[in-house]
Amino acid sequence: QVQLVESGGGLVQTGGSLRLSCAASGRTFSTYAMGWFRQAPGKEREFVIAVSRSGGSTSYADSVKGRFTISRDNAKNTVFLQMNSLKPEDTAVYYCAADHLLSTAPIGYRYWGQGTQVTVSS
C-alpha cells in the first residue's frame, strides 16, 4: 500500500507555470507507475499524464502535450508535474495516483492522493 500527498497547487495567470509534487510513503515507490488526473467542477475525472515505474515511458492527454511534463525521483519517492503555458481550462483539482501498471484510466489506479487545486485566471 502507498499513501500519496500532493502539493504545489495555487492561483496562476494564463500563460503561467506551476509545478505540482506528489510525495509517496513506503519503500516500494519504484514499483508503482504514477499518474496525474484532474477534475473540474461538474465534470468527470480525466487523465492528464502518467509515467512508468522506471520513468522511461510516459503518456499524455492530447490537451496537455507540449505544455505539461512528468518526471519522478525514485530516490525521493516523489513524482512531479510541470505545467507550462497554463490556460483557464486547466483549472481543476489535480490528483496523483499510483498502481503497478501505467494506465490512462482512473480505474487503473488503486491509490489516490487528496488532490490539490489549480486555478488559472484569464
PDB file of N, CA and C in Angstrom:
ATOM      1  N   GLN A   1       0.847  -1.186   0.000  1.00  0.00           N
ATOM      2  CA  GLN A   1       0.000   0.000   0.000  1.00  0.00           C
ATOM      3  C   GLN A   1       0.885   1.238   0.000  1.00  0.00           C
ATOM      4  N   VAL A   2       0.383   2.313  -0.587  1.00  0.00           N
ATOM      5  CA  VAL A   2       1.132   3.550  -0.660  1.00  0.00           C
ATOM      6  C   VAL A   2       0.193   4.708  -0.370  1.00  0.00           C
ATOM      7  N   GLN A   3       0.689   5.708   0.325  1.00  0.00           N
ATOM      8  CA  GLN A   3      -0.075   6.926   0.588  1.00  0.00           C
ATOM      9  C   GLN A   3       0.545   8.067  -0.194  1.00  0.00           C
ATOM     10  N   LEU A   4      -0.317   8.916  -0.758  1.00  0.00           N
ATOM     11  CA  LEU A   4       0.128   9.971  -1.661  1.00  0.00           C
ATOM     12  C   LEU A   4      -0.327  11.327  -1.147  1.00  0.00           C
ATOM     13  N   VAL A   5       0.555  12.305  -1.216  1.00  0.00           N
ATOM     14  CA  VAL A   5       0.225  13.662  -0.792  1.00  0.00           C
ATOM     15  C   VAL A   5       0.693  14.637  -1.861  1.00  0.00           C
ATOM     16  N   GLU A   6      -0.266  15.358  -2.452  1.00  0.00           N
ATOM     17  CA  GLU A   6       0.062  16.351  -3.477  1.00  0.00           C
ATOM     18  C   GLU A   6       0.327  17.710  -2.832  1.00  0.00           C
ATOM     19  N   SER A   7       1.102  18.503  -3.533  1.00  0.00           N
ATOM     20  CA  SER A   7       1.342  19.881  -3.116  1.00  0.00           C
ATOM     21  C   SER A   7       1.715  20.693  -4.343  1.00  0.00           C
ATOM     22  N   GLY A   8       1.690  22.018  -4.190  1.00  0.00           N
ATOM     23  CA  GLY A   8       2.140  22.888  -5.256  1.00  0.00           C
ATOM     24  C   GLY A   8       1.039  23.586  -6.033  1.00  0.00           C
ATOM     25  N   GLY A   9      -0.200  23.292  -5.717  1.00  0.00           N
ATOM     26  CA  GLY A   9      -1.284  23.963  -6.424  1.00  0.00           C
ATOM     27  C   GLY A   9      -1.393  25.420  -6.025  1.00  0.00           C
ATOM     28  N   GLY A  10      -2.227  26.153  -6.760  1.00  0.00           N
ATOM     29  CA  GLY A  10      -2.410  27.555  -6.442  1.00  0.00           C
ATOM     30  C   GLY A  10      -3.087  28.294  -7.568  1.00  0.00           C
ATOM     31  N   LEU A  11      -3.020  29.614  -7.481  1.00  0.00           N
ATOM     32  CA  LEU A  11      -3.620  30.507  -8.467  1.00  0.00           C
ATOM     33  C   LEU A  11      -2.520  31.065  -9.368  1.00  0.00           C
ATOM     34  N   VAL A  12      -2.735  30.998 -10.658  1.00  0.00           N
ATOM     35  CA  VAL A  12      -1.748  31.490 -11.621  1.00  0.00           C
ATOM     36  C   VAL A  12      -2.486  32.137 -12.784  1.00  0.00           C
ATOM     37  N   GLN A  13      -1.839  33.076 -13.429  1.00  0.00           N
ATOM     38  CA  GLN A  13      -2.441  33.726 -14.583  1.00  0.00           C
ATOM     39  C   GLN A  13      -2.258  32.882 -15.844  1.00  0.00           C
ATOM     40  N   THR A  14      -3.096  33.141 -16.817  1.00  0.00           N
ATOM     41  CA  THR A  14      -2.967  32.478 -18.111  1.00  0.00           C
ATOM     42  C   THR A  14      -1.547  32.664 -18.644  1.00  0.00           C
ATOM     43  N   GLY A  15      -0.971  31.565 -19.115  1.00  0.00           N
ATOM     44  CA  GLY A  15       0.389  31.592 -19.625  1.00  0.00           C
ATOM     45  C   GLY A  15       1.449  31.292 -18.584  1.00  0.00           C
ATOM     46  N   GLY A  16       1.051  31.233 -17.342  1.00  0.00           N
ATOM     47  CA  GLY A  16       1.997  30.976 -16.270  1.00  0.00           C
ATOM     48  C   GLY A  16       2.320  29.510 -16.100  1.00  0.00           C
ATOM     49  N   SER A  17       3.106  29.228 -15.073  1.00  0.00           N
ATOM     50  CA  SER A  17       3.556  27.861 -14.818  1.00  0.00           C
ATOM     51  C   SER A  17       3.345  27.499 -13.356  1.00  0.00           C
ATOM     52  N   LEU A  18       3.180  26.213 -13.131  1.00  0.00           N
ATOM     53  CA  LEU A  18       3.133  25.657 -11.790  1.00  0.00           C
ATOM     54  C   LEU A  18       3.825  24.298 -11.821  1.00  0.00           C
ATOM     55  N   ARG A  19       4.361  23.922 -10.686  1.00  0.00           N
ATOM     56  CA  ARG A  19       4.946  22.601 -10.544  1.00  0.00           C
ATOM     57  C   ARG A  19       4.286  21.901  -9.370  1.00  0.00           C
ATOM     58  N   LEU A  20       3.613  20.816  -9.665  1.00  0.00           N
ATOM     59  CA  LEU A  20       2.980  20.019  -8.622  1.00  0.00           C
ATOM     60  C   LEU A  20       3.918  18.889  -8.219  1.00  0.00           C
ATOM     61  N   SER A  21       3.837  18.552  -6.945  1.00  0.00           N
ATOM     62  CA  SER A  21       4.606  17.422  -6.426  1.00  0.00           C
ATOM     63  C   SER A  21       3.653  16.422  -5.790  1.00  0.00           C
ATOM     64  N   CYS A  22       4.049  15.179  -5.826  1.00  0.00           N
ATOM     65  CA  CYS A  22       3.286  14.126  -5.163  1.00  0.00           C
ATOM     66  C   CYS A  22       4.288  13.256  -4.423  1.00  0.00           C
ATOM     67  N   ALA A  23       4.214  13.309  -3.117  1.00  0.00           N
ATOM     68  CA  ALA A  23       5.123  12.524  -2.289  1.00  0.00           C
ATOM     69  C   ALA A  23       4.439  11.234  -1.864  1.00  0.00           C
ATOM     70  N   ALA A  24       5.169  10.137  -1.990  1.00  0.00           N
ATOM     71  CA  ALA A  24       4.619   8.825  -1.661  1.00  0.00           C
ATOM     72  C   ALA A  24       5.303   8.243  -0.430  1.00  0.00           C
ATOM     73  N   SER A  25       4.516   7.537   0.357  1.00  0.00           N
ATOM     74  CA  SER A  25       5.080   6.861   1.511  1.00  0.00           C
ATOM     75  C   SER A  25       5.590   5.482   1.101  1.00  0.00           C
ATOM     76  N   GLY A  26       6.333   4.861   1.981  1.00  0.00           N
ATOM     77  CA  GLY A  26       6.731   3.486   1.746  1.00  0.00           C
ATOM     78  C   GLY A  26       8.056   3.354   1.029  1.00  0.00           C
ATOM     79  N   ARG A  27       8.512   2.114   0.941  1.00  0.00           N
ATOM     80  CA  ARG A  27       9.827   1.834   0.358  1.00  0.00           C
ATOM     81  C   ARG A  27       9.733   1.179  -1.009  1.00  0.00           C
ATOM     82  N   THR A  28       8.517   1.149  -1.574  1.00  0.00           N
ATOM     83  CA  THR A  28       8.334   0.462  -2.845  1.00  0.00           C
ATOM     84  C   THR A  28       7.881   1.404  -3.942  1.00  0.00           C
ATOM     85  N   PHE A  29       8.220   2.667  -3.833  1.00  0.00           N
ATOM     86  CA  PHE A  29       7.760   3.674  -4.800  1.00  0.00           C
ATOM     87  C   PHE A  29       8.133   3.288  -6.217  1.00  0.00           C
ATOM     88  N   SER A  30       9.292   2.740  -6.404  1.00  0.00           N
ATOM     89  CA  SER A  30       9.774   2.422  -7.755  1.00  0.00           C
ATOM     90  C   SER A  30       8.988   1.281  -8.402  1.00  0.00           C
ATOM     91  N   THR A  31       8.143   0.613  -7.656  1.00  0.00           N
ATOM     92  CA  THR A  31       7.318  -0.456  -8.229  1.00  0.00           C
ATOM     93  C   THR A  31       5.969   0.055  -8.723  1.00  0.00           C
ATOM     94  N   TYR A  32       5.734   1.358  -8.591  1.00  0.00           N
ATOM     95  CA  TYR A  32       4.461   1.943  -8.984  1.00  0.00           C
ATOM     96  C   TYR A  32       4.606   2.862 -10.182  1.00  0.00           C
ATOM     97  N   ALA A  33       3.735   2.673 -11.156  1.00  0.00           N
ATOM     98  CA  ALA A  33       3.527   3.692 -12.175  1.00  0.00           C
ATOM     99  C   ALA A  33       2.731   4.815 -11.526  1.00  0.00           C
ATOM    100  N   MET A  34       2.960   6.027 -11.980  1.00  0.00           N
ATOM    101  CA  MET A  34       2.310   7.191 -11.380  1.00  0.00           C
ATOM    102  C   MET A  34       1.547   7.979 -12.434  1.00  0.00           C
ATOM    103  N   GLY A  35       0.375   8.405 -12.072  1.00  0.00           N
ATOM    104  CA  GLY A  35      -0.436   9.187 -12.990  1.00  0.00           C
ATOM    105  C   GLY A  35      -0.952  10.447 -12.332  1.00  0.00           C
ATOM    106  N   TRP A  36      -1.252  11.420 -13.167  1.00  0.00           N
ATOM    107  CA  TRP A  36      -1.945  12.631 -12.725  1.00  0.00           C
ATOM    108  C   TRP A  36      -3.289  12.708 -13.452  1.00  0.00           C
ATOM    109  N   PHE A  37      -4.314  13.017 -12.687  1.00  0.00           N
ATOM    110  CA  PHE A  37      -5.645  13.218 -13.213  1.00  0.00           C
ATOM    111  C   PHE A  37      -6.148  14.566 -12.719  1.00  0.00           C
ATOM    112  N   ARG A  38      -7.202  15.050 -13.335  1.00  0.00           N
ATOM    113  CA  ARG A  38      -7.794  16.299 -12.860  1.00  0.00           C
ATOM    114  C   ARG A  38      -9.303  16.227 -12.979  1.00  0.00           C
ATOM    115  N   GLN A  39      -9.944  17.017 -12.144  1.00  0.00           N
ATOM    116  CA  GLN A  39     -11.398  17.059 -12.148  1.00  0.00           C
ATOM    117  C   GLN A  39     -11.863  18.482 -11.926  1.00  0.00           C
ATOM    118  N   ALA A  40     -12.571  18.990 -12.927  1.00  0.00           N
ATOM    119  CA  ALA A  40     -13.158  20.322 -12.831  1.00  0.00           C
ATOM    120  C   ALA A  40     -14.588  20.189 -12.298  1.00  0.00           C
ATOM    121  N   PRO A  41     -15.136  21.250 -11.736  1.00  0.00           N
ATOM    122  CA  PRO A  41     -16.498  21.191 -11.197  1.00  0.00           C
ATOM    123  C   PRO A  41     -17.508  20.744 -12.248  1.00  0.00           C
ATOM    124  N   GLY A  42     -18.322  19.768 -11.893  1.00  0.00           N
ATOM    125  CA  GLY A  42     -19.351  19.283 -12.793  1.00  0.00           C
ATOM    126  C   GLY A  42     -18.861  18.367 -13.890  1.00  0.00           C
ATOM    127  N   LYS A  43     -17.578  18.029 -13.857  1.00  0.00           N
ATOM    128  CA  LYS A  43     -17.019  17.176 -14.903  1.00  0.00           C
ATOM    129  C   LYS A  43     -16.442  15.905 -14.303  1.00  0.00           C
ATOM    130  N   GLU A  44     -16.269  14.909 -15.158  1.00  0.00           N
ATOM    131  CA  GLU A  44     -15.665  13.671 -14.704  1.00  0.00           C
ATOM    132  C   GLU A  44     -14.148  13.835 -14.548  1.00  0.00           C
ATOM    133  N   ARG A  45     -13.594  12.977 -13.733  1.00  0.00           N
ATOM    134  CA  ARG A  45     -12.140  12.975 -13.579  1.00  0.00           C
ATOM    135  C   ARG A  45     -11.505  12.526 -14.884  1.00  0.00           C
ATOM    136  N   GLU A  46     -10.491  13.268 -15.333  1.00  0.00           N
ATOM    137  CA  GLU A  46      -9.879  12.957 -16.611  1.00  0.00           C
ATOM    138  C   GLU A  46      -8.378  12.769 -16.485  1.00  0.00           C
ATOM    139  N   PHE A  47      -7.872  11.922 -17.340  1.00  0.00           N
ATOM    140  CA  PHE A  47      -6.439  11.636 -17.388  1.00  0.00           C
ATOM    141  C   PHE A  47      -5.668  12.848 -17.895  1.00  0.00           C
ATOM    142  N   VAL A  48      -4.518  13.079 -17.274  1.00  0.00           N
ATOM    143  CA  VAL A  48      -3.635  14.170 -17.705  1.00  0.00           C
ATOM    144  C   VAL A  48      -2.325  13.606 -18.258  1.00  0.00           C
ATOM    145  N   ILE A  49      -1.642  12.831 -17.430  1.00  0.00           N
ATOM    146  CA  ILE A  49      -0.295  12.400 -17.782  1.00  0.00           C
ATOM    147  C   ILE A  49       0.112  11.273 -16.846  1.00  0.00           C
ATOM    148  N   ALA A  50       0.995  10.398 -17.315  1.00  0.00           N
ATOM    149  CA  ALA A  50       1.445   9.300 -16.470  1.00  0.00           C
ATOM    150  C   ALA A  50       2.872   8.910 -16.840  1.00  0.00           C
ATOM    151  N   VAL A  51       3.535   8.269 -15.897  1.00  0.00           N
ATOM    152  CA  VAL A  51       4.914   7.828 -16.101  1.00  0.00           C
ATOM    153  C   VAL A  51       5.056   6.406 -15.574  1.00  0.00           C
ATOM    154  N   SER A  52       5.878   5.640 -16.262  1.00  0.00           N
ATOM    155  CA  SER A  52       6.105   4.246 -15.873  1.00  0.00           C
ATOM    156  C   SER A  52       6.948   4.157 -14.609  1.00  0.00           C
ATOM    157  N   ARG A  53       7.113   2.964 -14.113  1.00  0.00           N
ATOM    158  CA  ARG A  53       7.839   2.742 -12.861  1.00  0.00           C
ATOM    159  C   ARG A  53       9.284   3.246 -12.942  1.00  0.00           C
ATOM    160  N   SER A  54       9.909   3.040 -14.067  1.00  0.00           N
ATOM    161  CA  SER A  54      11.308   3.451 -14.211  1.00  0.00           C
ATOM    162  C   SER A  54      11.449   4.900 -14.654  1.00  0.00           C
ATOM    163  N   GLY A  55      10.356   5.451 -15.141  1.00  0.00           N
ATOM    164  CA  GLY A  55      10.417   6.793 -15.716  1.00  0.00           C
ATOM    165  C   GLY A  55      10.726   6.779 -17.196  1.00  0.00           C
ATOM    166  N   GLY A  56      10.875   5.594 -17.765  1.00  0.00           N
ATOM    167  CA  GLY A  56      11.264   5.508 -19.156  1.00  0.00           C
ATOM    168  C   GLY A  56      10.143   5.709 -20.154  1.00  0.00           C
ATOM    169  N   SER A  57       8.909   5.556 -19.708  1.00  0.00           N
ATOM    170  CA  SER A  57       7.756   5.727 -20.600  1.00  0.00           C
ATOM    171  C   SER A  57       6.773   6.710 -20.003  1.00  0.00           C
ATOM    172  N   THR A  58       6.208   7.525 -20.873  1.00  0.00           N
ATOM    173  CA  THR A  58       5.208   8.489 -20.424  1.00  0.00           C
ATOM    174  C   THR A  58       4.019   8.460 -21.375  1.00  0.00           C
ATOM    175  N   SER A  59       2.899   8.922 -20.871  1.00  0.00           N
ATOM    176  CA  SER A  59       1.696   9.025 -21.683  1.00  0.00           C
ATOM    177  C   SER A  59       1.031  10.353 -21.355  1.00  0.00           C
ATOM    178  N   TYR A  60       0.543  11.027 -22.388  1.00  0.00           N
ATOM    179  CA  TYR A  60      -0.006  12.355 -22.220  1.00  0.00           C
ATOM    180  C   TYR A  60      -1.412  12.434 -22.817  1.00  0.00           C
ATOM    181  N   ALA A  61      -2.256  13.219 -22.198  1.00  0.00           N
ATOM    182  CA  ALA A  61      -3.507  13.591 -22.847  1.00  0.00           C
ATOM    183  C   ALA A  61      -3.191  14.607 -23.936  1.00  0.00           C
ATOM    184  N   ASP A  62      -3.943  14.560 -25.024  1.00  0.00           N
ATOM    185  CA  ASP A  62      -3.694  15.490 -26.132  1.00  0.00           C
ATOM    186  C   ASP A  62      -3.772  16.947 -25.680  1.00  0.00           C
ATOM    187  N   SER A  63      -4.614  17.214 -24.731  1.00  0.00           N
ATOM    188  CA  SER A  63      -4.846  18.598 -24.296  1.00  0.00           C
ATOM    189  C   SER A  63      -3.637  19.215 -23.589  1.00  0.00           C
ATOM    190  N   VAL A  64      -2.693  18.377 -23.159  1.00  0.00           N
ATOM    191  CA  VAL A  64      -1.544  18.920 -22.411  1.00  0.00           C
ATOM    192  C   VAL A  64      -0.206  18.676 -23.111  1.00  0.00           C
ATOM    193  N   LYS A  65      -0.235  18.009 -24.252  1.00  0.00           N
ATOM    194  CA  LYS A  65       1.027  17.744 -24.968  1.00  0.00           C
ATOM    195  C   LYS A  65       1.716  19.040 -25.327  1.00  0.00           C
ATOM    196  N   GLY A  66       3.011  19.065 -25.074  1.00  0.00           N
ATOM    197  CA  GLY A  66       3.795  20.251 -25.368  1.00  0.00           C
ATOM    198  C   GLY A  66       3.766  21.297 -24.266  1.00  0.00           C
ATOM    199  N   ARG A  67       2.901  21.103 -23.268  1.00  0.00           N
ATOM    200  CA  ARG A  67       2.807  22.067 -22.171  1.00  0.00           C
ATOM    201  C   ARG A  67       3.135  21.449 -20.810  1.00  0.00           C
ATOM    202  N   PHE A  68       2.745  20.211 -20.612  1.00  0.00           N
ATOM    203  CA  PHE A  68       2.955  19.544 -19.321  1.00  0.00           C
ATOM    204  C   PHE A  68       4.006  18.449 -19.478  1.00  0.00           C
ATOM    205  N   THR A  69       4.802  18.279 -18.461  1.00  0.00           N
ATOM    206  CA  THR A  69       5.735  17.160 -18.411  1.00  0.00           C
ATOM    207  C   THR A  69       5.682  16.501 -17.033  1.00  0.00           C
ATOM    208  N   ILE A  70       5.998  15.232 -17.015  1.00  0.00           N
ATOM    209  CA  ILE A  70       6.017  14.471 -15.774  1.00  0.00           C
ATOM    210  C   ILE A  70       7.409  13.902 -15.567  1.00  0.00           C
ATOM    211  N   SER A  71       7.819  13.874 -14.334  1.00  0.00           N
ATOM    212  CA  SER A  71       9.097  13.267 -14.000  1.00  0.00           C
ATOM    213  C   SER A  71       8.978  12.656 -12.604  1.00  0.00           C
ATOM    214  N   ARG A  72       9.906  11.790 -12.303  1.00  0.00           N
ATOM    215  CA  ARG A  72       9.884  11.152 -10.993  1.00  0.00           C
ATOM    216  C   ARG A  72      11.295  11.021 -10.454  1.00  0.00           C
ATOM    217  N   ASP A  73      11.385  11.058  -9.150  1.00  0.00           N
ATOM    218  CA  ASP A  73      12.654  10.850  -8.460  1.00  0.00           C
ATOM    219  C   ASP A  73      12.427   9.681  -7.507  1.00  0.00           C
ATOM    220  N   ASN A  74      12.818   8.513  -7.924  1.00  0.00           N
ATOM    221  CA  ASN A  74      12.556   7.313  -7.116  1.00  0.00           C
ATOM    222  C   ASN A  74      13.345   7.320  -5.806  1.00  0.00           C
ATOM    223  N   ALA A  75      14.440   8.034  -5.770  1.00  0.00           N
ATOM    224  CA  ALA A  75      15.216   8.125  -4.532  1.00  0.00           C
ATOM    225  C   ALA A  75      14.497   8.960  -3.480  1.00  0.00           C
ATOM    226  N   LYS A  76      13.644   9.890  -3.962  1.00  0.00           N
ATOM    227  CA  LYS A  76      12.910  10.765  -3.039  1.00  0.00           C
ATOM    228  C   LYS A  76      11.422  10.437  -2.970  1.00  0.00           C
ATOM    229  N   ASN A  77      11.033   9.340  -3.604  1.00  0.00           N
ATOM    230  CA  ASN A  77       9.628   8.911  -3.575  1.00  0.00           C
ATOM    231  C   ASN A  77       8.676  10.022  -4.014  1.00  0.00           C
ATOM    232  N   THR A  78       9.032  10.713  -5.063  1.00  0.00           N
ATOM    233  CA  THR A  78       8.254  11.869  -5.490  1.00  0.00           C
ATOM    234  C   THR A  78       8.083  11.875  -7.000  1.00  0.00           C
ATOM    235  N   VAL A  79       6.902  12.273  -7.425  1.00  0.00           N
ATOM    236  CA  VAL A  79       6.636  12.497  -8.843  1.00  0.00           C
ATOM    237  C   VAL A  79       6.232  13.955  -9.004  1.00  0.00           C
ATOM    238  N   PHE A  80       6.643  14.529 -10.134  1.00  0.00           N
ATOM    239  CA  PHE A  80       6.417  15.942 -10.383  1.00  0.00           C
ATOM    240  C   PHE A  80       5.591  16.135 -11.644  1.00  0.00           C
ATOM    241  N   LEU A  81       4.772  17.169 -11.628  1.00  0.00           N
ATOM    242  CA  LEU A  81       4.037  17.579 -12.817  1.00  0.00           C
ATOM    243  C   LEU A  81       4.384  19.047 -13.081  1.00  0.00           C
ATOM    244  N   GLN A  82       5.141  19.271 -14.140  1.00  0.00           N
ATOM    245  CA  GLN A  82       5.480  20.630 -14.548  1.00  0.00           C
ATOM    246  C   GLN A  82       4.455  21.098 -15.558  1.00  0.00           C
ATOM    247  N   MET A  83       3.782  22.181 -15.241  1.00  0.00           N
ATOM    248  CA  MET A  83       2.714  22.702 -16.097  1.00  0.00           C
ATOM    249  C   MET A  83       3.114  24.082 -16.585  1.00  0.00           C
ATOM    250  N   ASN A  84       3.259  24.211 -17.890  1.00  0.00           N
ATOM    251  CA  ASN A  84       3.614  25.482 -18.512  1.00  0.00           C
ATOM    252  C   ASN A  84       2.494  25.943 -19.430  1.00  0.00           C
ATOM    253  N   SER A  85       2.543  27.211 -19.784  1.00  0.00           N
ATOM    254  CA  SER A  85       1.553  27.783 -20.704  1.00  0.00           C
ATOM    255  C   SER A  85       0.143  27.438 -20.262  1.00  0.00           C
ATOM    256  N   LEU A  86      -0.133  27.661 -19.009  1.00  0.00           N
ATOM    257  CA  LEU A  86      -1.421  27.275 -18.443  1.00  0.00           C
ATOM    258  C   LEU A  86      -2.562  28.098 -19.033  1.00  0.00           C
ATOM    259  N   LYS A  87      -3.711  27.424 -19.150  1.00  0.00           N
ATOM    260  CA  LYS A  87      -4.908  28.025 -19.715  1.00  0.00           C
ATOM    261  C   LYS A  87      -6.042  27.947 -18.684  1.00  0.00           C
ATOM    262  N   PRO A  88      -7.036  28.810 -18.813  1.00  0.00           N
ATOM    263  CA  PRO A  88      -8.167  28.726 -17.868  1.00  0.00           C
ATOM    264  C   PRO A  88      -8.813  27.344 -17.841  1.00  0.00           C
ATOM    265  N   GLU A  89      -8.820  26.650 -18.956  1.00  0.00           N
ATOM    266  CA  GLU A  89      -9.432  25.319 -18.997  1.00  0.00           C
ATOM    267  C   GLU A  89      -8.608  24.266 -18.262  1.00  0.00           C
ATOM    268  N   ASP A  90      -7.437  24.616 -17.803  1.00  0.00           N
ATOM    269  CA  ASP A  90      -6.646  23.705 -16.968  1.00  0.00           C
ATOM    270  C   ASP A  90      -7.077  23.777 -15.501  1.00  0.00           C
ATOM    271  N   THR A  91      -7.955  24.700 -15.192  1.00  0.00           N
ATOM    272  CA  THR A  91      -8.439  24.846 -13.819  1.00  0.00           C
ATOM    273  C   THR A  91      -9.156  23.583 -13.368  1.00  0.00           C
ATOM    274  N   ALA A  92      -8.716  23.018 -12.256  1.00  0.00           N
ATOM    275  CA  ALA A  92      -9.282  21.765 -11.749  1.00  0.00           C
ATOM    276  C   ALA A  92      -8.581  21.395 -10.450  1.00  0.00           C
ATOM    277  N   VAL A  93      -9.109  20.391  -9.793  1.00  0.00           N
ATOM    278  CA  VAL A  93      -8.373  19.733  -8.723  1.00  0.00           C
ATOM    279  C   VAL A  93      -7.524  18.646  -9.371  1.00  0.00           C
ATOM    280  N   TYR A  94      -6.247  18.652  -9.058  1.00  0.00           N
ATOM    281  CA  TYR A  94      -5.317  17.694  -9.634  1.00  0.00           C
ATOM    282  C   TYR A  94      -4.985  16.615  -8.603  1.00  0.00           C
ATOM    283  N   TYR A  95      -5.097  15.368  -9.061  1.00  0.00           N
ATOM    284  CA  TYR A  95      -4.845  14.219  -8.206  1.00  0.00           C
ATOM    285  C   TYR A  95      -3.690  13.392  -8.753  1.00  0.00           C
ATOM    286  N   CYS A  96      -2.846  12.925  -7.872  1.00  0.00           N
ATOM    287  CA  CYS A  96      -1.881  11.920  -8.313  1.00  0.00           C
ATOM    288  C   CYS A  96      -2.399  10.545  -7.899  1.00  0.00           C
ATOM    289  N   ALA A  97      -1.971   9.549  -8.633  1.00  0.00           N
ATOM    290  CA  ALA A  97      -2.446   8.195  -8.435  1.00  0.00           C
ATOM    291  C   ALA A  97      -1.316   7.208  -8.687  1.00  0.00           C
ATOM    292  N   ALA A  98      -1.430   6.038  -8.062  1.00  0.00           N
ATOM    293  CA  ALA A  98      -0.371   5.037  -8.181  1.00  0.00           C
ATOM    294  C   ALA A  98      -0.948   3.645  -8.344  1.00  0.00           C
ATOM    295  N   ASP A  99      -0.304   2.866  -9.164  1.00  0.00           N
ATOM    296  CA  ASP A  99      -0.555   1.434  -9.254  1.00  0.00           C
ATOM    297  C   ASP A  99       0.600   0.806 -10.013  1.00  0.00           C
ATOM    298  N   HIS A 100       0.592  -0.499 -10.110  1.00  0.00           N
ATOM    299  CA  HIS A 100       1.796  -1.169 -10.611  1.00  0.00           C
ATOM    300  C   HIS A 100       1.967  -1.093 -12.119  1.00  0.00           C
ATOM    301  N   LEU A 101       0.874  -0.799 -12.846  1.00  0.00           N
ATOM    302  CA  LEU A 101       0.967  -0.682 -14.293  1.00  0.00           C
ATOM    303  C   LEU A 101       0.490   0.687 -14.741  1.00  0.00           C
ATOM    304  N   LEU A 102       1.161   1.247 -15.721  1.00  0.00           N
ATOM    305  CA  LEU A 102       0.764   2.540 -16.266  1.00  0.00           C
ATOM    306  C   LEU A 102      -0.599   2.415 -16.933  1.00  0.00           C
ATOM    307  N   SER A 103      -1.479   3.353 -16.644  1.00  0.00           N
ATOM    308  CA  SER A 103      -2.804   3.361 -17.226  1.00  0.00           C
ATOM    309  C   SER A 103      -3.231   4.801 -17.463  1.00  0.00           C
ATOM    310  N   THR A 104      -4.126   4.975 -18.423  1.00  0.00           N
ATOM    311  CA  THR A 104      -4.700   6.301 -18.664  1.00  0.00           C
ATOM    312  C   THR A 104      -6.122   6.407 -18.131  1.00  0.00           C
ATOM    313  N   ALA A 105      -6.577   5.374 -17.459  1.00  0.00           N
ATOM    314  CA  ALA A 105      -7.940   5.361 -16.925  1.00  0.00           C
ATOM    315  C   ALA A 105      -7.923   5.411 -15.408  1.00  0.00           C
ATOM    316  N   PRO A 106      -8.843   6.162 -14.811  1.00  0.00           N
ATOM    317  CA  PRO A 106      -8.873   6.214 -13.340  1.00  0.00           C
ATOM    318  C   PRO A 106      -9.006   4.834 -12.698  1.00  0.00           C
ATOM    319  N   ILE A 107      -9.743   3.938 -13.329  1.00  0.00           N
ATOM    320  CA  ILE A 107      -9.944   2.616 -12.757  1.00  0.00           C
ATOM    321  C   ILE A 107      -8.635   1.824 -12.701  1.00  0.00           C
ATOM    322  N   GLY A 108      -7.638   2.297 -13.411  1.00  0.00           N
ATOM    323  CA  GLY A 108      -6.356   1.608 -13.402  1.00  0.00           C
ATOM    324  C   GLY A 108      -5.495   1.887 -12.193  1.00  0.00           C
ATOM    325  N   TYR A 109      -5.964   2.746 -11.301  1.00  0.00           N
ATOM    326  CA  TYR A 109      -5.176   3.142 -10.134  1.00  0.00           C
ATOM    327  C   TYR A 109      -5.942   2.872  -8.849  1.00  0.00           C
ATOM    328  N   ARG A 110      -5.275   2.179  -7.936  1.00  0.00           N
ATOM    329  CA  ARG A 110      -5.894   1.893  -6.649  1.00  0.00           C
ATOM    330  C   ARG A 110      -5.645   2.974  -5.601  1.00  0.00           C
ATOM    331  N   TYR A 111      -4.549   3.688  -5.745  1.00  0.00           N
ATOM    332  CA  TYR A 111      -4.145   4.616  -4.693  1.00  0.00           C
ATOM    333  C   TYR A 111      -4.194   6.037  -5.212  1.00  0.00           C
ATOM    334  N   TRP A 112      -4.787   6.910  -4.399  1.00  0.00           N
ATOM    335  CA  TRP A 112      -5.002   8.292  -4.802  1.00  0.00           C
ATOM    336  C   TRP A 112      -4.621   9.248  -3.681  1.00  0.00           C
ATOM    337  N   GLY A 113      -4.134  10.421  -4.094  1.00  0.00           N
ATOM    338  CA  GLY A 113      -3.935  11.492  -3.143  1.00  0.00           C
ATOM    339  C   GLY A 113      -5.227  12.261  -2.914  1.00  0.00           C
ATOM    340  N   GLN A 114      -5.140  13.281  -2.077  1.00  0.00           N
ATOM    341  CA  GLN A 114      -6.335  14.049  -1.709  1.00  0.00           C
ATOM    342  C   GLN A 114      -6.635  15.161  -2.702  1.00  0.00           C
ATOM    343  N   GLY A 115      -5.687  15.457  -3.574  1.00  0.00           N
ATOM    344  CA  GLY A 115      -5.891  16.478  -4.590  1.00  0.00           C
ATOM    345  C   GLY A 115      -5.364  17.843  -4.174  1.00  0.00           C
ATOM    346  N   THR A 116      -5.009  18.630  -5.178  1.00  0.00           N
ATOM    347  CA  THR A 116      -4.570  20.000  -4.955  1.00  0.00           C
ATOM    348  C   THR A 116      -5.211  20.884  -6.030  1.00  0.00           C
ATOM    349  N   GLN A 117      -5.698  22.045  -5.606  1.00  0.00           N
ATOM    350  CA  GLN A 117      -6.443  22.923  -6.516  1.00  0.00           C
ATOM    351  C   GLN A 117      -5.480  23.738  -7.379  1.00  0.00           C
ATOM    352  N   VAL A 118      -5.763  23.755  -8.662  1.00  0.00           N
ATOM    353  CA  VAL A 118      -5.058  24.629  -9.600  1.00  0.00           C
ATOM    354  C   VAL A 118      -6.096  25.529 -10.250  1.00  0.00           C
ATOM    355  N   THR A 119      -5.877  26.827 -10.140  1.00  0.00           N
ATOM    356  CA  THR A 119      -6.789  27.797 -10.729  1.00  0.00           C
ATOM    357  C   THR A 119      -6.003  28.721 -11.649  1.00  0.00           C
ATOM    358  N   VAL A 120      -6.445  28.786 -12.899  1.00  0.00           N
ATOM    359  CA  VAL A 120      -5.795  29.630 -13.891  1.00  0.00           C
ATOM    360  C   VAL A 120      -6.754  30.760 -14.237  1.00  0.00           C
ATOM    361  N   SER A 121      -6.333  31.970 -13.954  1.00  0.00           N
ATOM    362  CA  SER A 121      -7.181  33.126 -14.207  1.00  0.00           C
ATOM    363  C   SER A 121      -6.938  33.670 -15.605  1.00  0.00           C
ATOM    364  N   SER A 122      -7.990  34.185 -16.208  1.00  0.00           N
ATOM    365  CA  SER A 122      -7.874  34.721 -17.574  1.00  0.00           C
ATOM    366  C   SER A 122      -7.549  36.212 -17.556  1.00  0.00           C
TER     367      SER A 122
END
